[in-house]
Amino acid sequence: MTPLVTAAVLAAAVLHASWNAIAHGIKDQLLAFTLVGAGELAVVGVLVWFVPLPAAAAWPYLIASVLIHLLYMLLLMRSFELGDFGQVYPIARGTAPLVVTVLALVFVGERPDARQTAGVAAAGAGLMGLALWDARGSGARPRRAAVVAAVGTGLAIASYTVVDGLGVRAAGTALGYTAWLLMLQSLPIPLYALAARRGELLAGVRPFVVRGLLGGALSTVAYGLVLWAQTRAPLAPVAALRESSVVVGAAIGALVFKERFGAPRVAAATLMAAGIALMLRAG
């Protein structure tokens, strides 16, 4: 990975944690993700007219990714409704590489070497730490539901990461693939909100317009940087570096949302990020 690619992926990690924090900060998650979707559409709705159309071979990947992203957003919304940002965001981001490594061992017979085994242990310990600290103090049942939703979000992330890694390479244009993906995935939730809330939607979103649209713009730039990086470097190191966002997310939970157990969660997220880096081959 060149310094430019490294910087792009690190910037994407910070931007991703930031737009998720903006969405989490809006209590009505349907309104939050409606505005994020609108912000994405405001950027890519213009961009699609000026970028190359993805190659035909990329469209099956693109359509599959849109469906997976919709599931991802629904699970993420549920996670934010149930849990603290400093807990559910790192779990969601950190689950994917850990689960993929374990499943590869069980079903494909890909045995990790000593370094990767240490990475699985470290990432697993970090994940357990995040899952067990309940900063809300609201009892086991809400915490368990939040963790389950966050883990489901992580599985969706693993799925769309693989699909998009293949799709963007088949597209022949990272910018074109990004623009069409974000435009198509951004439509369902705002359309549903428009149908479900009708006359109440405008009044509901008005106090959060600036924050929500900013979140959408940050989301667009963050994922565009990752997809561009995937065309310039192997998928594994890009994925590992991207997951440094788990540390940023835990820090935001402690510093911005003033969630309790901030320092232990940052430590657990850092351990998870280090484990992920060890798990993924640089190949």
Protein backbone atom coordinates (compact mmCIF):
# COMPACT_ATOMS: atom_id res chain seq x y z
CA MET A 1 0.00 0.00 0.00
CA THR A 2 1.36 3.38 -1.01
CA PRO A 3 1.27 6.33 1.41
CA LEU A 4 -1.55 7.89 -0.64
CA VAL A 5 -3.71 4.76 -0.40
CA THR A 6 -2.96 4.45 3.31
CA ALA A 7 -3.97 8.07 3.93
CA ALA A 8 -7.17 7.60 1.91
CA VAL A 9 -8.21 4.53 3.91
CA LEU A 10 -7.44 6.20 7.25
CA ALA A 11 -9.46 9.24 6.21
CA ALA A 12 -12.31 6.93 5.21
CA ALA A 13 -12.19 5.28 8.65
CA VAL A 14 -12.54 8.64 10.43
CA LEU A 15 -15.29 9.84 8.08
CA HIS A 16 -17.21 6.58 8.46
CA ALA A 17 -17.17 6.73 12.26
CA SER A 18 -18.18 10.40 12.06
CA TRP A 19 -21.25 9.93 9.87
CA ASN A 20 -22.35 6.98 12.01
CA ALA A 21 -22.03 9.20 15.09
CA ILE A 22 -24.15 11.88 13.42
CA ALA A 23 -26.84 9.30 12.64
CA HIS A 24 -26.71 7.88 16.18
CA GLY A 25 -27.11 11.37 17.62
CA ILE A 26 -30.57 11.73 16.02
CA LYS A 27 -32.96 9.76 18.22
CA ASP A 28 -35.49 9.00 15.47
CA GLN A 29 -33.43 6.61 13.37
CA LEU A 30 -35.85 6.63 10.43
CA LEU A 31 -35.42 10.40 10.18
CA ALA A 32 -31.65 10.07 10.63
CA PHE A 33 -31.18 7.57 7.81
CA THR A 34 -33.68 9.41 5.61
CA LEU A 35 -31.48 12.50 5.83
CA VAL A 36 -28.28 10.49 5.35
CA GLY A 37 -29.83 8.95 2.24
CA ALA A 38 -30.88 12.39 1.01
CA GLY A 39 -27.36 13.69 1.59
CA GLU A 40 -25.91 10.84 -0.45
CA LEU A 41 -28.42 11.47 -3.22
CA ALA A 42 -27.57 15.17 -3.29
CA VAL A 43 -23.97 14.28 -4.10
CA VAL A 44 -24.30 11.25 -6.36
CA GLY A 45 -27.52 12.33 -8.09
CA VAL A 46 -25.43 14.93 -9.90
CA LEU A 47 -22.28 12.83 -10.10
CA VAL A 48 -23.85 9.93 -12.05
CA TRP A 49 -24.27 12.22 -15.06
CA PHE A 50 -20.55 12.92 -15.26
CA VAL A 51 -18.94 9.55 -14.51
CA PRO A 52 -18.51 6.51 -16.75
CA LEU A 53 -21.21 3.86 -16.58
CA PRO A 54 -19.98 0.68 -14.85
CA ALA A 55 -19.26 -2.20 -17.22
CA ALA A 56 -22.05 -4.75 -17.73
CA ALA A 57 -20.11 -7.40 -15.79
CA ALA A 58 -20.30 -5.22 -12.65
CA TRP A 59 -24.09 -4.82 -12.49
CA PRO A 60 -24.92 -8.18 -10.86
CA TYR A 61 -22.47 -7.28 -8.08
CA LEU A 62 -23.90 -3.78 -7.86
CA ILE A 63 -27.51 -4.96 -7.51
CA ALA A 64 -26.52 -7.57 -4.93
CA SER A 65 -24.61 -4.91 -3.01
CA VAL A 66 -27.63 -2.58 -2.98
CA LEU A 67 -29.77 -5.31 -1.37
CA ILE A 68 -27.08 -6.15 1.19
CA HIS A 69 -26.56 -2.47 2.01
CA LEU A 70 -30.30 -2.07 2.65
CA LEU A 71 -30.16 -4.95 5.15
CA TYR A 72 -27.03 -3.41 6.66
CA MET A 73 -28.74 -0.05 7.18
CA LEU A 74 -31.81 -1.62 8.78
CA LEU A 75 -29.63 -3.58 11.20
CA LEU A 76 -27.49 -0.53 11.92
CA MET A 77 -30.58 1.54 12.68
CA ARG A 78 -31.71 -1.15 15.10
CA SER A 79 -28.27 -1.23 16.74
CA PHE A 80 -28.30 2.52 17.29
CA GLU A 81 -31.81 2.37 18.77
CA LEU A 82 -30.80 -0.27 21.32
CA GLY A 83 -27.19 0.37 22.30
CA ASP A 84 -24.48 2.91 23.04
CA PHE A 85 -22.45 4.16 20.11
CA GLY A 86 -19.13 3.24 21.74
CA GLN A 87 -20.35 -0.35 22.07
CA VAL A 88 -22.39 -1.20 18.96
CA TYR A 89 -20.29 0.63 16.36
CA PRO A 90 -17.00 -1.17 17.14
CA ILE A 91 -18.81 -4.51 17.41
CA ALA A 92 -20.47 -3.98 14.03
CA ARG A 93 -17.23 -2.99 12.33
CA GLY A 94 -15.06 -5.58 14.08
CA THR A 95 -17.28 -8.63 13.77
CA ALA A 96 -16.91 -9.11 10.02
CA PRO A 97 -13.19 -10.00 9.67
CA LEU A 98 -13.28 -12.15 12.81
CA VAL A 99 -16.26 -14.20 11.62
CA VAL A 100 -14.87 -14.58 8.09
CA THR A 101 -11.59 -15.95 9.45
CA VAL A 102 -13.34 -18.46 11.71
CA LEU A 103 -15.74 -19.61 8.97
CA ALA A 104 -12.83 -20.05 6.56
CA LEU A 105 -11.22 -22.40 9.08
CA VAL A 106 -14.41 -24.41 9.69
CA PHE A 107 -15.78 -24.71 6.15
CA VAL A 108 -12.83 -24.19 3.83
CA GLY A 109 -10.02 -25.59 5.92
CA GLU A 110 -7.91 -22.42 5.76
CA ARG A 111 -5.83 -22.85 8.89
CA PRO A 112 -4.45 -19.60 10.30
CA ASP A 113 -0.75 -19.34 10.97
CA ALA A 114 0.65 -18.33 14.36
CA ARG A 115 0.28 -14.61 13.67
CA GLN A 116 -3.31 -14.97 12.52
CA THR A 117 -4.17 -17.19 15.48
CA ALA A 118 -2.88 -14.48 17.79
CA GLY A 119 -4.98 -11.99 15.84
CA VAL A 120 -8.14 -14.09 16.25
CA ALA A 121 -7.49 -14.32 20.00
CA ALA A 122 -6.88 -10.57 20.33
CA ALA A 123 -9.86 -9.58 18.18
CA GLY A 124 -12.06 -12.07 20.02
CA ALA A 125 -10.99 -10.73 23.40
CA GLY A 126 -11.68 -7.17 22.26
CA LEU A 127 -15.08 -8.17 20.91
CA MET A 128 -16.00 -9.91 24.16
CA GLY A 129 -14.93 -6.88 26.16
CA LEU A 130 -17.12 -4.62 24.07
CA ALA A 131 -20.07 -6.98 24.27
CA LEU A 132 -19.92 -7.41 28.06
CA TRP A 133 -19.62 -3.76 29.12
CA ASP A 134 -23.13 -2.37 29.41
CA ALA A 135 -22.74 1.38 29.80
CA ARG A 136 -26.49 1.96 29.77
CA GLY A 137 -27.04 -0.02 32.94
CA SER A 138 -30.38 -1.11 31.52
CA GLY A 139 -30.16 -4.83 32.13
CA ALA A 140 -29.11 -7.88 30.17
CA ARG A 141 -31.97 -8.04 27.71
CA PRO A 142 -31.50 -4.63 25.98
CA ARG A 143 -27.73 -5.15 25.92
CA ARG A 144 -28.09 -8.60 24.36
CA ALA A 145 -30.45 -7.27 21.68
CA ALA A 146 -28.05 -4.45 20.84
CA VAL A 147 -25.11 -6.84 20.55
CA VAL A 148 -27.08 -9.25 18.35
CA ALA A 149 -28.11 -6.40 16.02
CA ALA A 150 -24.51 -5.14 15.90
CA VAL A 151 -23.17 -8.61 15.06
CA GLY A 152 -25.78 -8.93 12.31
CA THR A 153 -24.61 -5.56 10.98
CA GLY A 154 -21.06 -6.90 10.93
CA LEU A 155 -22.08 -9.93 8.88
CA ALA A 156 -23.77 -7.63 6.36
CA ILE A 157 -20.58 -5.55 6.22
CA ALA A 158 -18.53 -8.68 5.47
CA SER A 159 -20.91 -9.58 2.65
CA TYR A 160 -20.97 -6.22 0.89
CA THR A 161 -17.22 -5.75 1.31
CA VAL A 162 -16.54 -8.90 -0.70
CA VAL A 163 -19.23 -8.14 -3.28
CA ASP A 164 -18.04 -4.57 -3.81
CA GLY A 165 -14.39 -5.58 -3.92
CA LEU A 166 -15.24 -7.81 -6.89
CA GLY A 167 -17.75 -5.41 -8.41
CA VAL A 168 -15.56 -2.32 -8.44
CA ARG A 169 -12.81 -4.25 -10.21
CA ALA A 170 -15.25 -5.52 -12.82
CA ALA A 171 -16.72 -2.04 -13.29
CA GLY A 172 -13.64 -0.46 -14.83
CA THR A 173 -14.46 2.76 -12.95
CA ALA A 174 -14.34 3.14 -9.17
CA LEU A 175 -16.09 6.50 -9.34
CA GLY A 176 -18.89 5.23 -11.59
CA TYR A 177 -19.47 2.14 -9.44
CA THR A 178 -19.53 4.25 -6.26
CA ALA A 179 -21.95 6.80 -7.70
CA TRP A 180 -24.46 4.25 -8.97
CA LEU A 181 -24.21 2.11 -5.83
CA LEU A 182 -24.83 5.02 -3.49
CA MET A 183 -27.64 6.43 -5.60
CA LEU A 184 -29.52 3.12 -5.74
CA GLN A 185 -28.97 2.20 -2.08
CA SER A 186 -29.94 5.68 -0.88
CA LEU A 187 -33.46 5.61 -2.32
CA PRO A 188 -35.41 2.93 -0.36
CA ILE A 189 -35.34 4.41 3.16
CA PRO A 190 -36.26 8.01 2.16
CA LEU A 191 -39.05 6.64 -0.07
CA TYR A 192 -40.37 4.50 2.79
CA ALA A 193 -40.21 7.45 5.19
CA LEU A 194 -42.08 9.61 2.69
CA ALA A 195 -44.84 7.02 2.42
CA ALA A 196 -44.99 6.23 6.15
CA ARG A 197 -44.73 9.73 7.61
CA ARG A 198 -46.32 11.73 4.79
CA GLY A 199 -47.18 15.21 6.06
CA GLU A 200 -45.19 14.74 9.28
CA LEU A 201 -41.87 14.05 7.54
CA LEU A 202 -40.93 17.64 6.69
CA ALA A 203 -41.60 18.90 10.21
CA GLY A 204 -39.72 15.95 11.68
CA VAL A 205 -36.54 16.34 9.64
CA ARG A 206 -36.33 20.15 9.80
CA PRO A 207 -34.32 20.37 13.08
CA PHE A 208 -31.77 17.83 11.80
CA VAL A 209 -31.39 18.81 8.14
CA VAL A 210 -27.86 20.19 8.32
CA ARG A 211 -26.50 17.34 10.46
CA GLY A 212 -28.24 14.63 8.46
CA LEU A 213 -27.21 15.92 5.05
CA LEU A 214 -23.64 16.33 6.29
CA GLY A 215 -23.71 12.71 7.42
CA GLY A 216 -24.80 11.65 3.95
CA ALA A 217 -22.01 13.63 2.31
CA LEU A 218 -19.41 12.13 4.68
CA SER A 219 -20.78 8.64 3.97
CA THR A 220 -20.40 9.20 0.23
CA VAL A 221 -16.81 10.37 0.48
CA ALA A 222 -15.87 7.61 2.96
CA TYR A 223 -17.09 4.73 0.83
CA GLY A 224 -15.76 6.27 -2.35
CA LEU A 225 -12.28 6.43 -0.81
CA VAL A 226 -12.48 2.76 0.21
CA LEU A 227 -13.62 1.58 -3.20
CA TRP A 228 -10.88 3.62 -4.88
CA ALA A 229 -8.31 2.11 -2.50
CA GLN A 230 -9.55 -1.40 -3.37
CA THR A 231 -8.57 -0.75 -6.98
CA ARG A 232 -5.05 0.31 -5.95
CA ALA A 233 -4.15 -2.24 -3.25
CA PRO A 234 -5.00 -5.80 -2.13
CA LEU A 235 -8.35 -6.16 -0.35
CA ALA A 236 -6.98 -7.60 2.92
CA PRO A 237 -4.73 -4.71 4.03
CA VAL A 238 -7.35 -2.17 2.93
CA ALA A 239 -9.97 -3.98 5.05
CA ALA A 240 -7.63 -4.22 8.04
CA LEU A 241 -6.68 -0.54 7.96
CA ARG A 242 -10.28 0.50 7.42
CA GLU A 243 -11.30 -1.19 10.65
CA SER A 244 -9.21 1.31 12.60
CA SER A 245 -12.58 3.08 12.62
CA VAL A 246 -13.52 0.87 15.60
CA VAL A 247 -11.06 2.83 17.73
CA VAL A 248 -12.42 6.14 16.42
CA GLY A 249 -15.97 4.98 17.18
CA ALA A 250 -15.15 3.97 20.74
CA ALA A 251 -13.41 7.31 21.31
CA ILE A 252 -16.41 9.23 19.93
CA GLY A 253 -18.68 7.31 22.31
CA ALA A 254 -16.54 8.33 25.27
CA LEU A 255 -15.71 11.91 24.30
CA VAL A 256 -18.77 13.10 22.36
CA PHE A 257 -21.63 11.06 23.80
CA LYS A 258 -20.10 10.93 27.32
CA GLU A 259 -20.83 7.21 27.60
CA ARG A 260 -19.61 5.45 30.73
CA PHE A 261 -16.78 2.92 30.59
CA GLY A 262 -15.26 5.00 27.80
CA ALA A 263 -11.62 4.13 28.52
CA PRO A 264 -12.18 0.33 28.75
CA ARG A 265 -14.13 0.38 25.50
CA VAL A 266 -11.43 2.33 23.70
CA ALA A 267 -8.91 -0.22 25.00
CA ALA A 268 -11.08 -3.13 23.85
CA ALA A 269 -11.59 -1.55 20.43
CA THR A 270 -7.84 -0.95 20.09
CA LEU A 271 -7.19 -4.61 20.95
CA MET A 272 -9.76 -5.65 18.35
CA ALA A 273 -8.19 -3.43 15.66
CA ALA A 274 -4.72 -4.85 16.42
CA GLY A 275 -6.11 -8.37 16.20
CA ILE A 276 -7.74 -7.65 12.85
CA ALA A 277 -4.45 -6.33 11.48
CA LEU A 278 -2.76 -9.57 12.50
CA MET A 279 -5.54 -11.77 11.09
CA LEU A 280 -5.51 -10.42 7.56
CA ARG A 281 -2.72 -11.36 5.22
CA ALA A 282 -1.08 -8.51 3.36
CA GLY A 283 -1.15 -10.61 0.15
